[in-house]
Amino acid sequence: MDFTPDPTEREGVIPEPVAVPVQQPEPAQKPAAAPVPRYIVWTHRLSLVVFVVFCIELGMLLAILPWTTVWNQNSFLGGYPGLKAIIQSNFVRGVATGLGLVDVWVGIWEAVHYHDPVA
């Protein structure tokens, strides 16, 4: 092994400065965007109304239905007594009610935080 210093590495030599490119400043005002057509805005608004109504109705159904007789006297589960016992447990009813309340919350949140589309 040779530990002699490399002749290209000399003590006291200052490396050459590195040129850094200058960034151009951003313009103070951005050019105005083209307006969004009215039919697109109204399509978004209509879809929001449909989504909010759907979420709130489904949430109310899920929150209230597990505690009614419709949930208990279900003819579809008559042939499956094991599944009927699980469906009638208070834990499953609570989970369905919790999902319903979350669904109502999502519908209200979407309605409150809606913004018209921009280009």
PDB file of N, CA and C in Angstrom:
ATOM      1  N   MET A   1       0.836  -1.160   0.000  1.00  0.00           N
ATOM      2  CA  MET A   1       0.000   0.000   0.000  1.00  0.00           C
ATOM      3  C   MET A   1       0.884   1.227   0.000  1.00  0.00           C
ATOM      4  N   ASP A   2       0.500   2.131  -0.826  1.00  0.00           N
ATOM      5  CA  ASP A   2       1.269   3.353  -0.958  1.00  0.00           C
ATOM      6  C   ASP A   2       0.499   4.488  -0.296  1.00  0.00           C
ATOM      7  N   PHE A   3       1.102   5.082   0.751  1.00  0.00           N
ATOM      8  CA  PHE A   3       0.450   6.169   1.463  1.00  0.00           C
ATOM      9  C   PHE A   3       1.072   7.514   1.145  1.00  0.00           C
ATOM     10  N   THR A   4       1.734   7.608   0.056  1.00  0.00           N
ATOM     11  CA  THR A   4       2.323   8.897  -0.324  1.00  0.00           C
ATOM     12  C   THR A   4       1.232   9.805  -0.849  1.00  0.00           C
ATOM     13  N   PRO A   5       1.324  11.102  -0.579  1.00  0.00           N
ATOM     14  CA  PRO A   5       0.263  12.009  -1.039  1.00  0.00           C
ATOM     15  C   PRO A   5       0.225  12.090  -2.548  1.00  0.00           C
ATOM     16  N   ASP A   6      -0.975  12.275  -3.044  1.00  0.00           N
ATOM     17  CA  ASP A   6      -1.197  12.413  -4.479  1.00  0.00           C
ATOM     18  C   ASP A   6      -0.626  13.756  -4.924  1.00  0.00           C
ATOM     19  N   PRO A   7       0.138  13.791  -5.997  1.00  0.00           N
ATOM     20  CA  PRO A   7       0.736  15.054  -6.410  1.00  0.00           C
ATOM     21  C   PRO A   7      -0.307  16.084  -6.843  1.00  0.00           C
ATOM     22  N   THR A   8      -1.542  15.663  -7.200  1.00  0.00           N
ATOM     23  CA  THR A   8      -2.562  16.636  -7.594  1.00  0.00           C
ATOM     24  C   THR A   8      -3.211  17.295  -6.382  1.00  0.00           C
ATOM     25  N   GLU A   9      -3.107  16.650  -5.207  1.00  0.00           N
ATOM     26  CA  GLU A   9      -3.660  17.228  -3.987  1.00  0.00           C
ATOM     27  C   GLU A   9      -2.568  18.020  -3.293  1.00  0.00           C
ATOM     28  N   ARG A  10      -2.677  19.324  -3.333  1.00  0.00           N
ATOM     29  CA  ARG A  10      -1.685  20.170  -2.681  1.00  0.00           C
ATOM     30  C   ARG A  10      -2.338  20.930  -1.551  1.00  0.00           C
ATOM     31  N   GLU A  11      -1.600  21.147  -0.524  1.00  0.00           N
ATOM     32  CA  GLU A  11      -2.107  21.895   0.613  1.00  0.00           C
ATOM     33  C   GLU A  11      -2.183  23.367   0.264  1.00  0.00           C
ATOM     34  N   GLY A  12      -3.235  24.037   0.754  1.00  0.00           N
ATOM     35  CA  GLY A  12      -3.375  25.454   0.542  1.00  0.00           C
ATOM     36  C   GLY A  12      -4.010  25.838  -0.775  1.00  0.00           C
ATOM     37  N   VAL A  13      -4.448  24.872  -1.561  1.00  0.00           N
ATOM     38  CA  VAL A  13      -5.077  25.173  -2.844  1.00  0.00           C
ATOM     39  C   VAL A  13      -6.567  25.385  -2.598  1.00  0.00           C
ATOM     40  N   ILE A  14      -7.097  26.499  -3.051  1.00  0.00           N
ATOM     41  CA  ILE A  14      -8.515  26.816  -2.890  1.00  0.00           C
ATOM     42  C   ILE A  14      -9.243  26.354  -4.139  1.00  0.00           C
ATOM     43  N   PRO A  15     -10.345  25.594  -3.965  1.00  0.00           N
ATOM     44  CA  PRO A  15     -11.076  25.135  -5.161  1.00  0.00           C
ATOM     45  C   PRO A  15     -11.757  26.312  -5.856  1.00  0.00           C
ATOM     46  N   GLU A  16     -11.998  26.132  -7.138  1.00  0.00           N
ATOM     47  CA  GLU A  16     -12.637  27.184  -7.927  1.00  0.00           C
ATOM     48  C   GLU A  16     -14.090  27.344  -7.487  1.00  0.00           C
ATOM     49  N   PRO A  17     -14.639  28.569  -7.507  1.00  0.00           N
ATOM     50  CA  PRO A  17     -16.037  28.760  -7.104  1.00  0.00           C
ATOM     51  C   PRO A  17     -16.989  28.113  -8.110  1.00  0.00           C
ATOM     52  N   VAL A  18     -18.127  27.677  -7.590  1.00  0.00           N
ATOM     53  CA  VAL A  18     -19.147  27.038  -8.418  1.00  0.00           C
ATOM     54  C   VAL A  18     -20.185  28.083  -8.793  1.00  0.00           C
ATOM     55  N   ALA A  19     -20.547  28.114 -10.060  1.00  0.00           N
ATOM     56  CA  ALA A  19     -21.552  29.069 -10.534  1.00  0.00           C
ATOM     57  C   ALA A  19     -22.943  28.528 -10.236  1.00  0.00           C
ATOM     58  N   VAL A  20     -23.775  29.338  -9.558  1.00  0.00           N
ATOM     59  CA  VAL A  20     -25.141  28.963  -9.227  1.00  0.00           C
ATOM     60  C   VAL A  20     -26.068  29.746 -10.145  1.00  0.00           C
ATOM     61  N   PRO A  21     -26.984  29.055 -10.856  1.00  0.00           N
ATOM     62  CA  PRO A  21     -27.883  29.772 -11.760  1.00  0.00           C
ATOM     63  C   PRO A  21     -28.846  30.662 -10.959  1.00  0.00           C
ATOM     64  N   VAL A  22     -29.154  31.805 -11.493  1.00  0.00           N
ATOM     65  CA  VAL A  22     -30.065  32.750 -10.848  1.00  0.00           C
ATOM     66  C   VAL A  22     -31.484  32.419 -11.281  1.00  0.00           C
ATOM     67  N   GLN A  23     -32.375  32.312 -10.289  1.00  0.00           N
ATOM     68  CA  GLN A  23     -33.766  32.026 -10.609  1.00  0.00           C
ATOM     69  C   GLN A  23     -34.488  33.332 -10.884  1.00  0.00           C
ATOM     70  N   GLN A  24     -35.351  33.281 -11.885  1.00  0.00           N
ATOM     71  CA  GLN A  24     -36.130  34.454 -12.241  1.00  0.00           C
ATOM     72  C   GLN A  24     -37.276  34.602 -11.229  1.00  0.00           C
ATOM     73  N   PRO A  25     -37.565  35.789 -10.751  1.00  0.00           N
ATOM     74  CA  PRO A  25     -38.689  35.952  -9.818  1.00  0.00           C
ATOM     75  C   PRO A  25     -40.012  35.701 -10.533  1.00  0.00           C
ATOM     76  N   GLU A  26     -40.981  35.191  -9.754  1.00  0.00           N
ATOM     77  CA  GLU A  26     -42.301  34.921 -10.320  1.00  0.00           C
ATOM     78  C   GLU A  26     -43.016  36.248 -10.582  1.00  0.00           C
ATOM     79  N   PRO A  27     -43.840  36.284 -11.596  1.00  0.00           N
ATOM     80  CA  PRO A  27     -44.574  37.530 -11.854  1.00  0.00           C
ATOM     81  C   PRO A  27     -45.520  37.834 -10.695  1.00  0.00           C
ATOM     82  N   ALA A  28     -45.755  39.104 -10.452  1.00  0.00           N
ATOM     83  CA  ALA A  28     -46.588  39.525  -9.328  1.00  0.00           C
ATOM     84  C   ALA A  28     -48.037  39.063  -9.512  1.00  0.00           C
ATOM     85  N   GLN A  29     -48.537  39.077 -10.724  1.00  0.00           N
ATOM     86  CA  GLN A  29     -49.898  38.652 -10.983  1.00  0.00           C
ATOM     87  C   GLN A  29     -49.883  37.539 -12.016  1.00  0.00           C
ATOM     88  N   LYS A  30     -50.641  36.506 -11.713  1.00  0.00           N
ATOM     89  CA  LYS A  30     -50.759  35.418 -12.672  1.00  0.00           C
ATOM     90  C   LYS A  30     -51.795  35.811 -13.719  1.00  0.00           C
ATOM     91  N   PRO A  31     -51.635  35.316 -14.926  1.00  0.00           N
ATOM     92  CA  PRO A  31     -52.646  35.648 -15.936  1.00  0.00           C
ATOM     93  C   PRO A  31     -53.997  35.071 -15.549  1.00  0.00           C
ATOM     94  N   ALA A  32     -55.041  35.769 -15.887  1.00  0.00           N
ATOM     95  CA  ALA A  32     -56.392  35.354 -15.532  1.00  0.00           C
ATOM     96  C   ALA A  32     -56.756  34.065 -16.266  1.00  0.00           C
ATOM     97  N   ALA A  33     -57.339  33.128 -15.525  1.00  0.00           N
ATOM     98  CA  ALA A  33     -57.743  31.851 -16.114  1.00  0.00           C
ATOM     99  C   ALA A  33     -59.089  32.019 -16.809  1.00  0.00           C
ATOM    100  N   ALA A  34     -59.323  31.166 -17.771  1.00  0.00           N
ATOM    101  CA  ALA A  34     -60.596  31.207 -18.489  1.00  0.00           C
ATOM    102  C   ALA A  34     -61.708  30.782 -17.536  1.00  0.00           C
ATOM    103  N   PRO A  35     -62.869  31.413 -17.589  1.00  0.00           N
ATOM    104  CA  PRO A  35     -63.949  31.040 -16.678  1.00  0.00           C
ATOM    105  C   PRO A  35     -64.484  29.645 -17.005  1.00  0.00           C
ATOM    106  N   VAL A  36     -64.950  28.990 -15.969  1.00  0.00           N
ATOM    107  CA  VAL A  36     -65.528  27.652 -16.131  1.00  0.00           C
ATOM    108  C   VAL A  36     -66.936  27.808 -16.685  1.00  0.00           C
ATOM    109  N   PRO A  37     -67.317  26.993 -17.662  1.00  0.00           N
ATOM    110  CA  PRO A  37     -68.672  27.102 -18.219  1.00  0.00           C
ATOM    111  C   PRO A  37     -69.739  26.881 -17.141  1.00  0.00           C
ATOM    112  N   ARG A  38     -70.864  27.553 -17.316  1.00  0.00           N
ATOM    113  CA  ARG A  38     -71.930  27.499 -16.310  1.00  0.00           C
ATOM    114  C   ARG A  38     -72.493  26.101 -16.131  1.00  0.00           C
ATOM    115  N   TYR A  39     -72.573  25.322 -17.211  1.00  0.00           N
ATOM    116  CA  TYR A  39     -73.157  23.990 -17.080  1.00  0.00           C
ATOM    117  C   TYR A  39     -72.280  23.084 -16.217  1.00  0.00           C
ATOM    118  N   ILE A  40     -70.973  23.301 -16.220  1.00  0.00           N
ATOM    119  CA  ILE A  40     -70.093  22.502 -15.365  1.00  0.00           C
ATOM    120  C   ILE A  40     -70.297  22.883 -13.898  1.00  0.00           C
ATOM    121  N   VAL A  41     -70.426  24.172 -13.633  1.00  0.00           N
ATOM    122  CA  VAL A  41     -70.656  24.630 -12.262  1.00  0.00           C
ATOM    123  C   VAL A  41     -71.967  24.067 -11.729  1.00  0.00           C
ATOM    124  N   TRP A  42     -73.029  24.149 -12.543  1.00  0.00           N
ATOM    125  CA  TRP A  42     -74.321  23.656 -12.088  1.00  0.00           C
ATOM    126  C   TRP A  42     -74.357  22.132 -12.006  1.00  0.00           C
ATOM    127  N   THR A  43     -73.581  21.458 -12.825  1.00  0.00           N
ATOM    128  CA  THR A  43     -73.487  20.001 -12.716  1.00  0.00           C
ATOM    129  C   THR A  43     -72.839  19.610 -11.400  1.00  0.00           C
ATOM    130  N   HIS A  44     -71.790  20.331 -11.017  1.00  0.00           N
ATOM    131  CA  HIS A  44     -71.138  20.057  -9.734  1.00  0.00           C
ATOM    132  C   HIS A  44     -72.083  20.343  -8.566  1.00  0.00           C
ATOM    133  N   ARG A  45     -72.817  21.435  -8.658  1.00  0.00           N
ATOM    134  CA  ARG A  45     -73.752  21.780  -7.587  1.00  0.00           C
ATOM    135  C   ARG A  45     -74.853  20.735  -7.458  1.00  0.00           C
ATOM    136  N   LEU A  46     -75.396  20.287  -8.598  1.00  0.00           N
ATOM    137  CA  LEU A  46     -76.446  19.278  -8.572  1.00  0.00           C
ATOM    138  C   LEU A  46     -75.925  17.952  -8.016  1.00  0.00           C
ATOM    139  N   SER A  47     -74.726  17.563  -8.424  1.00  0.00           N
ATOM    140  CA  SER A  47     -74.163  16.315  -7.896  1.00  0.00           C
ATOM    141  C   SER A  47     -73.896  16.430  -6.400  1.00  0.00           C
ATOM    142  N   LEU A  48     -73.531  17.619  -5.931  1.00  0.00           N
ATOM    143  CA  LEU A  48     -73.342  17.809  -4.498  1.00  0.00           C
ATOM    144  C   LEU A  48     -74.666  17.653  -3.748  1.00  0.00           C
ATOM    145  N   VAL A  49     -75.732  18.231  -4.268  1.00  0.00           N
ATOM    146  CA  VAL A  49     -77.036  18.121  -3.617  1.00  0.00           C
ATOM    147  C   VAL A  49     -77.479  16.665  -3.559  1.00  0.00           C
ATOM    148  N   VAL A  50     -77.321  15.943  -4.658  1.00  0.00           N
ATOM    149  CA  VAL A  50     -77.715  14.530  -4.688  1.00  0.00           C
ATOM    150  C   VAL A  50     -76.877  13.731  -3.689  1.00  0.00           C
ATOM    151  N   PHE A  51     -75.576  13.989  -3.639  1.00  0.00           N
ATOM    152  CA  PHE A  51     -74.698  13.258  -2.721  1.00  0.00           C
ATOM    153  C   PHE A  51     -75.040  13.555  -1.268  1.00  0.00           C
ATOM    154  N   VAL A  52     -75.281  14.821  -0.953  1.00  0.00           N
ATOM    155  CA  VAL A  52     -75.600  15.204   0.429  1.00  0.00           C
ATOM    156  C   VAL A  52     -76.928  14.593   0.857  1.00  0.00           C
ATOM    157  N   VAL A  53     -77.938  14.667   0.012  1.00  0.00           N
ATOM    158  CA  VAL A  53     -79.243  14.082   0.351  1.00  0.00           C
ATOM    159  C   VAL A  53     -79.110  12.575   0.524  1.00  0.00           C
ATOM    160  N   PHE A  54     -78.353  11.924  -0.341  1.00  0.00           N
ATOM    161  CA  PHE A  54     -78.160  10.474  -0.231  1.00  0.00           C
ATOM    162  C   PHE A  54     -77.462  10.118   1.077  1.00  0.00           C
ATOM    163  N   CYS A  55     -76.396  10.837   1.405  1.00  0.00           N
ATOM    164  CA  CYS A  55     -75.653  10.540   2.635  1.00  0.00           C
ATOM    165  C   CYS A  55     -76.515  10.742   3.871  1.00  0.00           C
ATOM    166  N   ILE A  56     -77.264  11.829   3.907  1.00  0.00           N
ATOM    167  CA  ILE A  56     -78.079  12.099   5.095  1.00  0.00           C
ATOM    168  C   ILE A  56     -79.218  11.084   5.218  1.00  0.00           C
ATOM    169  N   GLU A  57     -79.873  10.743   4.120  1.00  0.00           N
ATOM    170  CA  GLU A  57     -80.949   9.760   4.193  1.00  0.00           C
ATOM    171  C   GLU A  57     -80.430   8.380   4.581  1.00  0.00           C
ATOM    172  N   LEU A  58     -79.334   7.956   3.975  1.00  0.00           N
ATOM    173  CA  LEU A  58     -78.771   6.648   4.320  1.00  0.00           C
ATOM    174  C   LEU A  58     -78.294   6.629   5.763  1.00  0.00           C
ATOM    175  N   GLY A  59     -77.685   7.726   6.201  1.00  0.00           N
ATOM    176  CA  GLY A  59     -77.224   7.796   7.579  1.00  0.00           C
ATOM    177  C   GLY A  59     -78.359   7.731   8.577  1.00  0.00           C
ATOM    178  N   MET A  60     -79.446   8.445   8.284  1.00  0.00           N
ATOM    179  CA  MET A  60     -80.606   8.395   9.179  1.00  0.00           C
ATOM    180  C   MET A  60     -81.216   6.999   9.200  1.00  0.00           C
ATOM    181  N   LEU A  61     -81.270   6.354   8.049  1.00  0.00           N
ATOM    182  CA  LEU A  61     -81.791   4.991   7.978  1.00  0.00           C
ATOM    183  C   LEU A  61     -80.935   4.039   8.806  1.00  0.00           C
ATOM    184  N   LEU A  62     -79.605   4.154   8.670  1.00  0.00           N
ATOM    185  CA  LEU A  62     -78.713   3.278   9.428  1.00  0.00           C
ATOM    186  C   LEU A  62     -78.721   3.596  10.922  1.00  0.00           C
ATOM    187  N   ALA A  63     -78.974   4.828  11.282  1.00  0.00           N
ATOM    188  CA  ALA A  63     -78.976   5.199  12.695  1.00  0.00           C
ATOM    189  C   ALA A  63     -80.255   4.765  13.404  1.00  0.00           C
ATOM    190  N   ILE A  64     -81.379   4.765  12.689  1.00  0.00           N
ATOM    191  CA  ILE A  64     -82.667   4.487  13.331  1.00  0.00           C
ATOM    192  C   ILE A  64     -83.144   3.047  13.127  1.00  0.00           C
ATOM    193  N   LEU A  65     -82.925   2.485  11.955  1.00  0.00           N
ATOM    194  CA  LEU A  65     -83.471   1.173  11.610  1.00  0.00           C
ATOM    195  C   LEU A  65     -83.080   0.038  12.562  1.00  0.00           C
ATOM    196  N   PRO A  66     -81.841  -0.048  13.070  1.00  0.00           N
ATOM    197  CA  PRO A  66     -81.515  -1.181  13.947  1.00  0.00           C
ATOM    198  C   PRO A  66     -82.325  -1.228  15.237  1.00  0.00           C
ATOM    199  N   TRP A  67     -82.987  -0.170  15.622  1.00  0.00           N
ATOM    200  CA  TRP A  67     -83.712  -0.135  16.884  1.00  0.00           C
ATOM    201  C   TRP A  67     -85.221  -0.259  16.680  1.00  0.00           C
ATOM    202  N   THR A  68     -85.643  -0.636  15.461  1.00  0.00           N
ATOM    203  CA  THR A  68     -87.074  -0.788  15.182  1.00  0.00           C
ATOM    204  C   THR A  68     -87.429  -2.265  15.065  1.00  0.00           C
ATOM    205  N   THR A  69     -88.740  -2.546  14.972  1.00  0.00           N
ATOM    206  CA  THR A  69     -89.184  -3.938  14.833  1.00  0.00           C
ATOM    207  C   THR A  69     -88.876  -4.495  13.449  1.00  0.00           C
ATOM    208  N   VAL A  70     -88.671  -3.625  12.469  1.00  0.00           N
ATOM    209  CA  VAL A  70     -88.315  -4.096  11.125  1.00  0.00           C
ATOM    210  C   VAL A  70     -86.995  -4.856  11.181  1.00  0.00           C
ATOM    211  N   TRP A  71     -86.082  -4.392  12.015  1.00  0.00           N
ATOM    212  CA  TRP A  71     -84.776  -5.038  12.164  1.00  0.00           C
ATOM    213  C   TRP A  71     -84.926  -6.384  12.874  1.00  0.00           C
ATOM    214  N   ASN A  72     -85.825  -6.471  13.857  1.00  0.00           N
ATOM    215  CA  ASN A  72     -85.997  -7.690  14.640  1.00  0.00           C
ATOM    216  C   ASN A  72     -86.784  -8.759  13.894  1.00  0.00           C
ATOM    217  N   GLN A  73     -87.850  -8.376  13.236  1.00  0.00           N
ATOM    218  CA  GLN A  73     -88.728  -9.344  12.581  1.00  0.00           C
ATOM    219  C   GLN A  73     -88.450  -9.373  11.083  1.00  0.00           C
ATOM    220  N   ASN A  74     -87.261  -9.806  10.740  1.00  0.00           N
ATOM    221  CA  ASN A  74     -86.813  -9.823   9.361  1.00  0.00           C
ATOM    222  C   ASN A  74     -87.069 -11.206   8.783  1.00  0.00           C
ATOM    223  N   SER A  75     -87.888 -11.292   7.744  1.00  0.00           N
ATOM    224  CA  SER A  75     -88.226 -12.593   7.165  1.00  0.00           C
ATOM    225  C   SER A  75     -87.056 -13.184   6.373  1.00  0.00           C
ATOM    226  N   PHE A  76     -86.114 -12.353   5.936  1.00  0.00           N
ATOM    227  CA  PHE A  76     -84.964 -12.871   5.192  1.00  0.00           C
ATOM    228  C   PHE A  76     -84.041 -13.696   6.076  1.00  0.00           C
ATOM    229  N   LEU A  77     -83.996 -13.388   7.360  1.00  0.00           N
ATOM    230  CA  LEU A  77     -83.111 -14.113   8.278  1.00  0.00           C
ATOM    231  C   LEU A  77     -83.817 -15.241   9.008  1.00  0.00           C
ATOM    232  N   GLY A  78     -85.078 -15.537   8.661  1.00  0.00           N
ATOM    233  CA  GLY A  78     -85.835 -16.589   9.346  1.00  0.00           C
ATOM    234  C   GLY A  78     -85.186 -17.962   9.233  1.00  0.00           C
ATOM    235  N   GLY A  79     -84.547 -18.249   8.135  1.00  0.00           N
ATOM    236  CA  GLY A  79     -83.924 -19.553   7.941  1.00  0.00           C
ATOM    237  C   GLY A  79     -82.524 -19.650   8.517  1.00  0.00           C
ATOM    238  N   TYR A  80     -81.996 -18.585   9.036  1.00  0.00           N
ATOM    239  CA  TYR A  80     -80.640 -18.567   9.579  1.00  0.00           C
ATOM    240  C   TYR A  80     -80.659 -18.048  11.015  1.00  0.00           C
ATOM    241  N   PRO A  81     -80.956 -18.922  11.969  1.00  0.00           N
ATOM    242  CA  PRO A  81     -81.081 -18.446  13.348  1.00  0.00           C
ATOM    243  C   PRO A  81     -79.759 -17.931  13.943  1.00  0.00           C
ATOM    244  N   GLY A  82     -78.644 -18.492  13.524  1.00  0.00           N
ATOM    245  CA  GLY A  82     -77.351 -18.017  14.029  1.00  0.00           C
ATOM    246  C   GLY A  82     -77.059 -16.595  13.577  1.00  0.00           C
ATOM    247  N   LEU A  83     -77.312 -16.332  12.299  1.00  0.00           N
ATOM    248  CA  LEU A  83     -77.098 -14.989  11.757  1.00  0.00           C
ATOM    249  C   LEU A  83     -78.104 -14.000  12.342  1.00  0.00           C
ATOM    250  N   LYS A  84     -79.328 -14.484  12.598  1.00  0.00           N
ATOM    251  CA  LYS A  84     -80.340 -13.617  13.188  1.00  0.00           C
ATOM    252  C   LYS A  84     -79.939 -13.196  14.604  1.00  0.00           C
ATOM    253  N   ALA A  85     -79.335 -14.098  15.354  1.00  0.00           N
ATOM    254  CA  ALA A  85     -78.879 -13.756  16.709  1.00  0.00           C
ATOM    255  C   ALA A  85     -77.755 -12.729  16.661  1.00  0.00           C
ATOM    256  N   ILE A  86     -76.882 -12.843  15.671  1.00  0.00           N
ATOM    257  CA  ILE A  86     -75.781 -11.875  15.539  1.00  0.00           C
ATOM    258  C   ILE A  86     -76.327 -10.515  15.138  1.00  0.00           C
ATOM    259  N   ILE A  87     -77.246 -10.491  14.187  1.00  0.00           N
ATOM    260  CA  ILE A  87     -77.810  -9.234  13.703  1.00  0.00           C
ATOM    261  C   ILE A  87     -78.591  -8.527  14.806  1.00  0.00           C
ATOM    262  N   GLN A  88     -79.212  -9.283  15.705  1.00  0.00           N
ATOM    263  CA  GLN A  88     -80.005  -8.680  16.772  1.00  0.00           C
ATOM    264  C   GLN A  88     -79.173  -8.294  17.994  1.00  0.00           C
ATOM    265  N   SER A  89     -77.874  -8.561  17.980  1.00  0.00           N
ATOM    266  CA  SER A  89     -77.051  -8.183  19.133  1.00  0.00           C
ATOM    267  C   SER A  89     -76.892  -6.663  19.184  1.00  0.00           C
ATOM    268  N   ASN A  90     -76.749  -6.171  20.394  1.00  0.00           N
ATOM    269  CA  ASN A  90     -76.626  -4.719  20.574  1.00  0.00           C
ATOM    270  C   ASN A  90     -75.335  -4.179  19.971  1.00  0.00           C
ATOM    271  N   PHE A  91     -74.284  -4.989  19.910  1.00  0.00           N
ATOM    272  CA  PHE A  91     -73.026  -4.542  19.313  1.00  0.00           C
ATOM    273  C   PHE A  91     -73.207  -4.227  17.832  1.00  0.00           C
ATOM    274  N   VAL A  92     -73.862  -5.124  17.097  1.00  0.00           N
ATOM    275  CA  VAL A  92     -74.082  -4.907  15.665  1.00  0.00           C
ATOM    276  C   VAL A  92     -75.023  -3.727  15.449  1.00  0.00           C
ATOM    277  N   ARG A  93     -76.017  -3.596  16.309  1.00  0.00           N
ATOM    278  CA  ARG A  93     -76.907  -2.440  16.207  1.00  0.00           C
ATOM    279  C   ARG A  93     -76.130  -1.141  16.438  1.00  0.00           C
ATOM    280  N   GLY A  94     -75.240  -1.136  17.409  1.00  0.00           N
ATOM    281  CA  GLY A  94     -74.434   0.046  17.694  1.00  0.00           C
ATOM    282  C   GLY A  94     -73.491   0.391  16.556  1.00  0.00           C
ATOM    283  N   VAL A  95     -72.914  -0.632  15.940  1.00  0.00           N
ATOM    284  CA  VAL A  95     -72.028  -0.396  14.794  1.00  0.00           C
ATOM    285  C   VAL A  95     -72.813   0.215  13.639  1.00  0.00           C
ATOM    286  N   ALA A  96     -74.003  -0.304  13.379  1.00  0.00           N
ATOM    287  CA  ALA A  96     -74.835   0.246  12.300  1.00  0.00           C
ATOM    288  C   ALA A  96     -75.229   1.694  12.609  1.00  0.00           C
ATOM    289  N   THR A  97     -75.571   1.967  13.854  1.00  0.00           N
ATOM    290  CA  THR A  97     -75.924   3.339  14.232  1.00  0.00           C
ATOM    291  C   THR A  97     -74.724   4.261  14.106  1.00  0.00           C
ATOM    292  N   GLY A  98     -73.552   3.795  14.517  1.00  0.00           N
ATOM    293  CA  GLY A  98     -72.335   4.604  14.389  1.00  0.00           C
ATOM    294  C   GLY A  98     -72.008   4.903  12.938  1.00  0.00           C
ATOM    295  N   LEU A  99     -72.141   3.924  12.067  1.00  0.00           N
ATOM    296  CA  LEU A  99     -71.911   4.160  10.643  1.00  0.00           C
ATOM    297  C   LEU A  99     -72.920   5.158  10.083  1.00  0.00           C
ATOM    298  N   GLY A 100     -74.148   5.074  10.560  1.00  0.00           N
ATOM    299  CA  GLY A 100     -75.162   6.019  10.121  1.00  0.00           C
ATOM    300  C   GLY A 100     -74.831   7.444  10.536  1.00  0.00           C
ATOM    301  N   LEU A 101     -74.363   7.618  11.767  1.00  0.00           N
ATOM    302  CA  LEU A 101     -74.002   8.961  12.228  1.00  0.00           C
ATOM    303  C   LEU A 101     -72.794   9.497  11.474  1.00  0.00           C
ATOM    304  N   VAL A 102     -71.841   8.627  11.172  1.00  0.00           N
ATOM    305  CA  VAL A 102     -70.683   9.051  10.373  1.00  0.00           C
ATOM    306  C   VAL A 102     -71.134   9.449   8.971  1.00  0.00           C
ATOM    307  N   ASP A 103     -72.074   8.725   8.424  1.00  0.00           N
ATOM    308  CA  ASP A 103     -72.576   9.040   7.087  1.00  0.00           C
ATOM    309  C   ASP A 103     -73.295  10.386   7.066  1.00  0.00           C
ATOM    310  N   VAL A 104     -74.077  10.667   8.097  1.00  0.00           N
ATOM    311  CA  VAL A 104     -74.730  11.986   8.193  1.00  0.00           C
ATOM    312  C   VAL A 104     -73.670  13.072   8.299  1.00  0.00           C
ATOM    313  N   TRP A 105     -72.642  12.833   9.097  1.00  0.00           N
ATOM    314  CA  TRP A 105     -71.568  13.812   9.265  1.00  0.00           C
ATOM    315  C   TRP A 105     -70.841  14.066   7.943  1.00  0.00           C
ATOM    316  N   VAL A 106     -70.588  13.025   7.161  1.00  0.00           N
ATOM    317  CA  VAL A 106     -69.919  13.186   5.863  1.00  0.00           C
ATOM    318  C   VAL A 106     -70.777  14.031   4.920  1.00  0.00           C
ATOM    319  N   GLY A 107     -72.065  13.793   4.908  1.00  0.00           N
ATOM    320  CA  GLY A 107     -72.944  14.584   4.055  1.00  0.00           C
ATOM    321  C   GLY A 107     -72.946  16.046   4.433  1.00  0.00           C
ATOM    322  N   ILE A 108     -73.026  16.343   5.721  1.00  0.00           N
ATOM    323  CA  ILE A 108     -73.007  17.734   6.165  1.00  0.00           C
ATOM    324  C   ILE A 108     -71.655  18.371   5.896  1.00  0.00           C
ATOM    325  N   TRP A 109     -70.583  17.636   6.121  1.00  0.00           N
ATOM    326  CA  TRP A 109     -69.237  18.169   5.900  1.00  0.00           C
ATOM    327  C   TRP A 109     -69.036  18.520   4.424  1.00  0.00           C
ATOM    328  N   GLU A 110     -69.497  17.660   3.535  1.00  0.00           N
ATOM    329  CA  GLU A 110     -69.368  17.934   2.102  1.00  0.00           C
ATOM    330  C   GLU A 110     -70.157  19.182   1.711  1.00  0.00           C
ATOM    331  N   ALA A 111     -71.335  19.358   2.302  1.00  0.00           N
ATOM    332  CA  ALA A 111     -72.143  20.531   1.973  1.00  0.00           C
ATOM    333  C   ALA A 111     -71.487  21.808   2.472  1.00  0.00           C
ATOM    334  N   VAL A 112     -70.895  21.770   3.637  1.00  0.00           N
ATOM    335  CA  VAL A 112     -70.283  22.972   4.211  1.00  0.00           C
ATOM    336  C   VAL A 112     -68.989  23.340   3.495  1.00  0.00           C
ATOM    337  N   HIS A 113     -68.228  22.354   3.058  1.00  0.00           N
ATOM    338  CA  HIS A 113     -66.920  22.609   2.461  1.00  0.00           C
ATOM    339  C   HIS A 113     -66.924  22.607   0.930  1.00  0.00           C
ATOM    340  N   TYR A 114     -68.045  22.834   0.326  1.00  0.00           N
ATOM    341  CA  TYR A 114     -68.137  22.841  -1.138  1.00  0.00           C
ATOM    342  C   TYR A 114     -67.591  24.154  -1.688  1.00  0.00           C
ATOM    343  N   HIS A 115     -66.841  24.055  -2.780  1.00  0.00           N
ATOM    344  CA  HIS A 115     -66.370  25.221  -3.525  1.00  0.00           C
ATOM    345  C   HIS A 115     -66.674  25.001  -4.992  1.00  0.00           C
ATOM    346  N   ASP A 116     -67.094  26.059  -5.655  1.00  0.00           N
ATOM    347  CA  ASP A 116     -67.333  25.952  -7.094  1.00  0.00           C
ATOM    348  C   ASP A 116     -66.047  25.632  -7.832  1.00  0.00           C
ATOM    349  N   PRO A 117     -66.118  24.839  -8.906  1.00  0.00           N
ATOM    350  CA  PRO A 117     -64.908  24.502  -9.654  1.00  0.00           C
ATOM    351  C   PRO A 117     -64.304  25.735 -10.327  1.00  0.00           C
ATOM    352  N   VAL A 118     -62.988  25.766 -10.343  1.00  0.00           N
ATOM    353  CA  VAL A 118     -62.270  26.840 -11.017  1.00  0.00           C
ATOM    354  C   VAL A 118     -61.346  26.224 -12.042  1.00  0.00           C
ATOM    355  N   ALA A 119     -61.018  26.993 -13.078  1.00  0.00           N
ATOM    356  CA  ALA A 119     -60.149  26.492 -14.152  1.00  0.00           C
ATOM    357  C   ALA A 119     -58.730  26.379 -13.692  1.00  0.00           C
TER     358      ALA A 119
END
